[in-house]
Amino acid sequence: MRLLLKIVGVLLLLGLVIAGAGLVYFLNRFPDVPPAQTVTLPTSPEVLARGKYLAEHVALCVDCHSERDWSKFAGPLKPGSYGKGGERFDAVNSGVPGTLFAPNITPAGIGHYSDGELVRTVTTGVAKDGRAMFPLMPYTNYGQLAEDDVQAMLAYVRTLSRIEHQAPARSLDFPMSMIVNIIPKAATPGMRPSPEDRVAYGKYLVTAAGCGDCHTQIDDRGQKLPGMDFAGGFQFAHPELGYRVRSANITPDADSGIGQWTEEQFINKFKGFEAPDDHVLTDAEQRQNTAMPWKQYAGMTREDLGAIYAYLRTLKPVLNRVDKFPDARPSN
């Protein structure tokens, strides 16, 4: 009996040693991306104008890394908060397996990053300290964009006013706390298509804007449902009141998507939110509030919105009727 116990003890110890060695190897092996390159971000007025357009109206860097005023429709950005970070993302309001907070991207938050380290972070998902980022920040998308567009966005972000603010640390649930380390990958920069090729250019803009991320339903493990790309149903919750909202079906399905929308209707839906609106929502209106940053996307040009429409029309139509505001009617 004693011999058997000794053997079992040795085997358990050996198993622990092997597991420990495996963990050490894993932590040292991943994330596995190339080191930051030597980069100098351009700062010409033309580049900064392009970067401002992309960061504020297409890729929406400034949207996620600022505070939003949820007392108003679509949560417009609070003046004076641009880039300060702090917005909370969790399982309830955005399907995240844990709790994340958008970091500060003003000079107070990223001033210690070199230009190359900043490029690597947003295109591969690995921070300056080697930490793997959760892909809520769509680095897998940004890693496909043209290098000059990425550099333009970051050059503009460098010009944001300094705001001293430290966002809380993230907390990812197990096993995502381990899985997150194997998600980052080397960037595969592409070419920006000519705007004359409306479908290709529209696809490029959709990638930059991450439309598919919010307009594709996920399962209880956070994985996109097969065959449901762009068919809507991703559920958000009002960050303050908890009311649920689900993303719309933007496939060209004639019954449940945008199949019957004209290009003009599609463009005007966005451009209708350009005008300032200080209306404070009532509770009934809050039940139909939305996480869709209409006011930021409204700043896109009509040509770019038209290209997005042209690309969306090429998608596979998916019949998926979405109850976008399930809490619109108060329960009795």
Protein backbone atom coordinates (compact mmCIF):
# COMPACT_ATOMS: atom_id res chain seq x y z
CA MET A 1 0.00 0.00 0.00
CA ARG A 2 2.80 2.42 0.93
CA LEU A 3 4.56 1.65 -2.31
CA LEU A 4 1.36 2.33 -4.26
CA LEU A 5 0.89 5.63 -2.48
CA LYS A 6 4.49 6.59 -3.25
CA ILE A 7 3.99 5.74 -6.91
CA VAL A 8 0.77 7.78 -7.05
CA GLY A 9 2.52 10.69 -5.32
CA VAL A 10 5.43 10.58 -7.74
CA LEU A 11 3.04 10.46 -10.71
CA LEU A 12 1.07 13.43 -9.37
CA LEU A 13 4.28 15.38 -8.80
CA LEU A 14 5.50 14.52 -12.27
CA GLY A 15 2.17 15.63 -13.72
CA LEU A 16 2.42 18.94 -11.91
CA VAL A 17 5.97 19.47 -13.15
CA ILE A 18 4.95 18.72 -16.73
CA ALA A 19 1.89 20.99 -16.46
CA GLY A 20 4.02 23.75 -14.98
CA ALA A 21 6.60 23.42 -17.70
CA GLY A 22 3.84 23.50 -20.30
CA LEU A 23 2.38 26.64 -18.78
CA VAL A 24 5.79 28.35 -18.73
CA TYR A 25 6.31 27.39 -22.38
CA PHE A 26 2.85 28.65 -23.33
CA LEU A 27 3.31 31.98 -21.58
CA ASN A 28 6.69 32.50 -23.20
CA ARG A 29 5.61 31.26 -26.64
CA PHE A 30 2.46 33.35 -26.96
CA PRO A 31 1.41 35.85 -28.11
CA ASP A 32 3.49 35.13 -31.19
CA VAL A 33 3.86 38.20 -33.41
CA PRO A 34 6.88 39.93 -34.95
CA PRO A 35 8.62 42.65 -32.91
CA ALA A 36 7.68 46.27 -33.44
CA GLN A 37 9.30 47.85 -36.47
CA THR A 38 10.95 51.23 -36.67
CA VAL A 39 8.22 53.54 -37.94
CA THR A 40 7.85 57.30 -38.11
CA LEU A 41 4.24 58.39 -38.46
CA PRO A 42 3.69 61.08 -41.12
CA THR A 43 2.19 64.34 -39.93
CA SER A 44 1.31 66.32 -43.04
CA PRO A 45 -2.04 68.15 -42.99
CA GLU A 46 -3.39 65.77 -45.66
CA VAL A 47 -2.43 62.71 -43.62
CA LEU A 48 -3.92 64.10 -40.41
CA ALA A 49 -7.16 64.98 -42.23
CA ARG A 50 -7.40 61.42 -43.56
CA GLY A 51 -6.62 60.03 -40.11
CA LYS A 52 -9.24 62.22 -38.45
CA TYR A 53 -11.86 61.07 -40.94
CA LEU A 54 -11.07 57.39 -40.42
CA ALA A 55 -10.66 57.58 -36.63
CA GLU A 56 -13.82 59.63 -36.04
CA HIS A 57 -16.21 58.39 -38.72
CA VAL A 58 -15.12 54.98 -40.08
CA ALA A 59 -12.95 52.93 -37.73
CA LEU A 60 -14.30 54.92 -34.76
CA CYS A 61 -11.19 54.78 -32.58
CA VAL A 62 -12.37 57.95 -30.85
CA ASP A 63 -15.84 56.48 -30.26
CA CYS A 64 -14.77 53.44 -28.22
CA HIS A 65 -12.05 55.31 -26.37
CA SER A 66 -14.22 58.20 -25.19
CA GLU A 67 -17.22 58.63 -22.91
CA ARG A 68 -20.68 58.49 -24.46
CA ASP A 69 -23.70 60.42 -23.23
CA TRP A 70 -26.36 57.73 -22.85
CA SER A 71 -29.04 60.23 -21.88
CA LYS A 72 -29.29 61.01 -25.61
CA PHE A 73 -30.00 58.95 -28.70
CA ALA A 74 -27.16 56.67 -29.83
CA GLY A 75 -24.86 57.86 -27.04
CA PRO A 76 -23.01 60.79 -28.65
CA LEU A 77 -19.49 61.49 -27.43
CA LYS A 78 -19.12 63.72 -24.39
CA PRO A 79 -17.08 66.83 -25.22
CA GLY A 80 -13.77 66.87 -23.42
CA SER A 81 -13.56 63.07 -23.17
CA TYR A 82 -12.08 62.28 -26.57
CA GLY A 83 -9.62 59.44 -26.20
CA LYS A 84 -9.62 59.32 -22.39
CA GLY A 85 -10.91 55.72 -22.30
CA GLY A 86 -12.87 54.12 -19.51
CA GLU A 87 -15.92 52.78 -21.37
CA ARG A 88 -16.90 49.45 -19.84
CA PHE A 89 -17.57 46.32 -21.88
CA ASP A 90 -18.88 43.15 -20.24
CA ALA A 91 -20.99 40.05 -20.83
CA VAL A 92 -24.26 41.93 -20.36
CA ASN A 93 -23.74 45.01 -22.49
CA SER A 94 -21.51 43.61 -25.24
CA GLY A 95 -21.04 39.84 -24.89
CA VAL A 96 -17.49 40.01 -23.55
CA PRO A 97 -16.35 37.01 -21.45
CA GLY A 98 -15.27 39.17 -18.55
CA THR A 99 -14.92 42.90 -18.03
CA LEU A 100 -12.89 45.25 -20.19
CA PHE A 101 -12.32 48.97 -20.12
CA ALA A 102 -11.21 51.01 -23.12
CA PRO A 103 -7.73 52.37 -22.40
CA ASN A 104 -6.63 55.98 -22.59
CA ILE A 105 -5.30 56.77 -26.08
CA THR A 106 -4.45 60.42 -25.46
CA PRO A 107 -0.75 61.28 -24.95
CA ALA A 108 -1.28 60.56 -21.24
CA GLY A 109 -2.03 56.93 -22.11
CA ILE A 110 0.13 56.13 -25.13
CA GLY A 111 2.83 58.78 -24.93
CA HIS A 112 5.40 56.16 -23.90
CA TYR A 113 4.73 54.07 -27.04
CA SER A 114 7.03 54.45 -30.02
CA ASP A 115 5.30 54.85 -33.37
CA GLY A 116 6.27 51.29 -34.28
CA GLU A 117 4.92 49.90 -31.02
CA LEU A 118 1.65 51.71 -31.60
CA VAL A 119 1.32 50.30 -35.12
CA ARG A 120 2.05 46.79 -33.85
CA THR A 121 -0.55 47.12 -31.08
CA VAL A 122 -3.44 48.08 -33.33
CA THR A 123 -2.59 45.69 -36.18
CA THR A 124 -1.51 42.55 -34.29
CA GLY A 125 -3.12 42.89 -30.85
CA VAL A 126 0.03 42.94 -28.73
CA ALA A 127 0.66 45.87 -26.40
CA LYS A 128 4.03 47.47 -25.67
CA ASP A 129 4.46 45.26 -22.59
CA GLY A 130 3.78 42.08 -24.59
CA ARG A 131 0.24 41.64 -23.27
CA ALA A 132 -2.29 40.13 -25.69
CA MET A 133 -5.33 42.30 -26.27
CA PHE A 134 -8.86 40.96 -26.44
CA PRO A 135 -10.15 41.38 -30.02
CA LEU A 136 -13.00 43.65 -28.97
CA MET A 137 -10.47 46.15 -30.32
CA PRO A 138 -10.65 44.87 -33.91
CA TYR A 139 -6.95 44.50 -34.56
CA THR A 140 -7.61 41.54 -36.85
CA ASN A 141 -9.47 43.99 -39.09
CA TYR A 142 -6.95 46.80 -38.79
CA GLY A 143 -4.16 44.38 -39.65
CA GLN A 144 -5.73 43.99 -43.10
CA LEU A 145 -5.91 47.71 -43.90
CA ALA A 146 -3.48 49.67 -46.02
CA GLU A 147 -0.45 50.69 -43.97
CA ASP A 148 -0.85 54.37 -44.86
CA ASP A 149 -4.42 54.40 -43.52
CA VAL A 150 -3.35 52.78 -40.24
CA GLN A 151 -0.52 55.28 -39.92
CA ALA A 152 -2.84 58.18 -40.72
CA MET A 153 -5.27 57.14 -37.96
CA LEU A 154 -2.49 56.80 -35.42
CA ALA A 155 -0.89 60.08 -36.47
CA TYR A 156 -4.23 61.78 -35.81
CA VAL A 157 -4.69 59.99 -32.48
CA ARG A 158 -1.29 61.38 -31.45
CA THR A 159 -2.79 64.89 -31.78
CA LEU A 160 -5.60 64.34 -29.25
CA SER A 161 -5.51 66.59 -26.20
CA ARG A 162 -3.82 65.06 -23.18
CA ILE A 163 -6.27 63.80 -20.54
CA GLU A 164 -5.00 62.27 -17.33
CA HIS A 165 -7.11 59.19 -16.73
CA GLN A 166 -6.32 55.60 -15.83
CA ALA A 167 -8.86 53.00 -16.89
CA PRO A 168 -9.39 50.00 -14.55
CA ALA A 169 -7.59 46.76 -15.35
CA ARG A 170 -9.40 44.15 -17.40
CA SER A 171 -10.67 40.85 -16.00
CA LEU A 172 -11.22 37.99 -18.47
CA ASP A 173 -13.02 34.80 -17.50
CA PHE A 174 -11.19 31.47 -17.67
CA PRO A 175 -10.37 29.95 -20.15
CA MET A 176 -10.50 33.15 -22.25
CA SER A 177 -7.82 34.58 -19.98
CA MET A 178 -5.53 31.95 -21.54
CA ILE A 179 -7.04 31.73 -25.02
CA VAL A 180 -6.58 35.46 -25.56
CA ASN A 181 -2.84 34.88 -25.82
CA ILE A 182 -3.09 32.80 -29.00
CA ILE A 183 -5.41 35.15 -30.93
CA PRO A 184 -2.89 37.85 -31.96
CA LYS A 185 -1.19 37.25 -35.29
CA ALA A 186 1.08 39.07 -37.68
CA ALA A 187 -0.56 41.82 -39.69
CA THR A 188 -1.28 41.21 -43.37
CA PRO A 189 -1.61 44.75 -44.76
CA GLY A 190 -3.64 45.13 -47.92
CA MET A 191 -4.02 47.74 -50.61
CA ARG A 192 -6.76 50.35 -50.44
CA PRO A 193 -8.95 49.73 -53.50
CA SER A 194 -9.82 52.55 -55.83
CA PRO A 195 -13.12 54.21 -54.88
CA GLU A 196 -14.14 53.63 -58.50
CA ASP A 197 -14.35 49.91 -57.69
CA ARG A 198 -17.30 50.49 -55.38
CA VAL A 199 -17.76 46.91 -54.21
CA ALA A 200 -14.08 46.35 -53.37
CA TYR A 201 -13.79 49.76 -51.74
CA GLY A 202 -17.01 49.17 -49.83
CA LYS A 203 -15.66 45.88 -48.51
CA TYR A 204 -12.51 47.72 -47.39
CA LEU A 205 -14.59 50.29 -45.50
CA VAL A 206 -16.76 47.58 -43.94
CA THR A 207 -13.58 45.90 -42.71
CA ALA A 208 -12.29 49.17 -41.26
CA ALA A 209 -15.63 49.90 -39.61
CA GLY A 210 -16.04 46.37 -38.24
CA CYS A 211 -19.67 46.17 -39.39
CA GLY A 212 -19.65 42.38 -39.35
CA ASP A 213 -18.56 42.26 -35.71
CA CYS A 214 -21.69 43.96 -34.41
CA HIS A 215 -24.11 42.71 -37.05
CA THR A 216 -23.41 38.99 -36.58
CA GLN A 217 -25.01 37.02 -33.77
CA ILE A 218 -22.77 35.03 -31.41
CA ASP A 219 -23.34 31.90 -29.33
CA ASP A 220 -22.84 31.51 -25.58
CA ARG A 221 -19.10 31.00 -26.16
CA GLY A 222 -18.73 34.26 -28.04
CA GLN A 223 -18.34 32.56 -31.42
CA LYS A 224 -20.10 33.90 -34.51
CA LEU A 225 -22.98 31.72 -35.65
CA PRO A 226 -22.10 29.98 -38.95
CA GLY A 227 -24.03 31.26 -41.94
CA MET A 228 -25.30 34.32 -40.06
CA ASP A 229 -22.73 36.89 -41.15
CA PHE A 230 -24.23 40.39 -41.18
CA ALA A 231 -27.69 38.96 -40.42
CA GLY A 232 -28.01 40.89 -37.14
CA GLY A 233 -29.15 39.70 -33.74
CA PHE A 234 -26.04 40.60 -31.71
CA GLN A 235 -27.39 41.73 -28.36
CA PHE A 236 -26.25 44.78 -26.46
CA ALA A 237 -27.63 46.27 -23.28
CA HIS A 238 -28.01 49.91 -22.32
CA PRO A 239 -24.92 50.48 -20.13
CA GLU A 240 -26.92 52.42 -17.54
CA LEU A 241 -30.51 51.17 -17.76
CA GLY A 242 -30.00 47.63 -19.02
CA TYR A 243 -32.58 47.77 -21.81
CA ARG A 244 -31.73 45.30 -24.57
CA VAL A 245 -31.10 46.19 -28.20
CA ARG A 246 -30.17 43.85 -31.04
CA SER A 247 -28.33 44.73 -34.21
CA ALA A 248 -30.20 44.84 -37.50
CA ASN A 249 -29.97 42.40 -40.38
CA ILE A 250 -27.94 44.21 -43.06
CA THR A 251 -27.82 41.40 -45.61
CA PRO A 252 -29.77 42.02 -48.83
CA ASP A 253 -32.64 39.78 -47.73
CA ALA A 254 -35.81 41.42 -49.04
CA ASP A 255 -37.96 40.41 -46.08
CA SER A 256 -35.77 40.94 -43.03
CA GLY A 257 -32.70 42.81 -44.27
CA ILE A 258 -31.97 45.76 -46.54
CA GLY A 259 -33.00 44.06 -49.75
CA GLN A 260 -35.74 46.59 -50.46
CA TRP A 261 -33.65 49.63 -49.52
CA THR A 262 -32.45 51.90 -52.30
CA GLU A 263 -28.95 53.31 -52.13
CA GLU A 264 -30.41 56.76 -51.48
CA GLN A 265 -32.46 55.46 -48.55
CA PHE A 266 -29.41 53.74 -47.10
CA ILE A 267 -27.24 56.86 -47.34
CA ASN A 268 -29.96 59.14 -46.02
CA LYS A 269 -30.49 56.88 -42.99
CA PHE A 270 -26.95 57.75 -41.89
CA LYS A 271 -26.84 61.37 -43.01
CA GLY A 272 -30.07 62.06 -41.15
CA PHE A 273 -28.10 62.01 -37.90
CA GLU A 274 -25.56 64.70 -38.86
CA ALA A 275 -27.41 67.54 -37.18
CA PRO A 276 -26.74 68.09 -33.45
CA ASP A 277 -29.49 66.78 -31.20
CA ASP A 278 -29.52 67.65 -27.50
CA HIS A 279 -32.85 65.99 -26.79
CA VAL A 280 -32.76 64.05 -23.50
CA LEU A 281 -34.63 60.78 -23.91
CA THR A 282 -37.62 59.75 -21.85
CA ASP A 283 -37.73 56.25 -20.37
CA ALA A 284 -39.96 55.07 -23.23
CA GLU A 285 -37.45 56.46 -25.73
CA GLN A 286 -34.54 54.89 -23.87
CA ARG A 287 -36.16 51.50 -24.43
CA GLN A 288 -35.45 52.08 -28.12
CA ASN A 289 -32.04 53.65 -27.71
CA THR A 290 -29.18 52.02 -29.56
CA ALA A 291 -25.48 51.25 -29.28
CA MET A 292 -25.12 51.98 -33.01
CA PRO A 293 -22.98 55.15 -33.18
CA TRP A 294 -25.14 56.81 -35.80
CA LYS A 295 -23.84 60.29 -35.13
CA GLN A 296 -20.23 59.27 -35.73
CA TYR A 297 -20.96 57.25 -38.87
CA ALA A 298 -23.06 60.14 -40.18
CA GLY A 299 -19.79 61.96 -40.82
CA MET A 300 -18.87 59.58 -43.63
CA THR A 301 -19.10 60.95 -47.14
CA ARG A 302 -22.06 59.99 -49.29
CA GLU A 303 -19.65 58.31 -51.68
CA ASP A 304 -18.21 56.07 -48.96
CA LEU A 305 -21.65 55.19 -47.62
CA GLY A 306 -22.71 54.35 -51.16
CA ALA A 307 -19.71 52.03 -51.53
CA ILE A 308 -20.65 50.26 -48.31
CA TYR A 309 -24.18 49.80 -49.64
CA ALA A 310 -22.80 48.42 -52.91
CA TYR A 311 -20.74 45.83 -51.03
CA LEU A 312 -23.55 44.83 -48.66
CA ARG A 313 -25.75 44.17 -51.69
CA THR A 314 -23.30 41.44 -52.78
CA LEU A 315 -23.65 39.47 -49.54
CA LYS A 316 -25.64 36.28 -49.24
CA PRO A 317 -29.22 37.19 -48.24
CA VAL A 318 -30.08 35.68 -44.86
CA LEU A 319 -33.66 35.51 -43.60
CA ASN A 320 -33.43 36.59 -39.97
CA ARG A 321 -36.19 38.69 -38.46
CA VAL A 322 -34.69 40.56 -35.53
CA ASP A 323 -36.69 41.92 -32.62
CA LYS A 324 -34.40 44.92 -32.25
CA PHE A 325 -35.98 46.40 -29.10
CA PRO A 326 -37.33 43.54 -26.94
CA ASP A 327 -37.80 45.89 -23.97
CA ALA A 328 -39.62 48.58 -25.93
CA ARG A 329 -42.88 47.89 -24.11
CA PRO A 330 -42.80 48.03 -20.31
CA SER A 331 -43.94 44.79 -18.70
CA ASN A 332 -47.19 44.97 -16.72
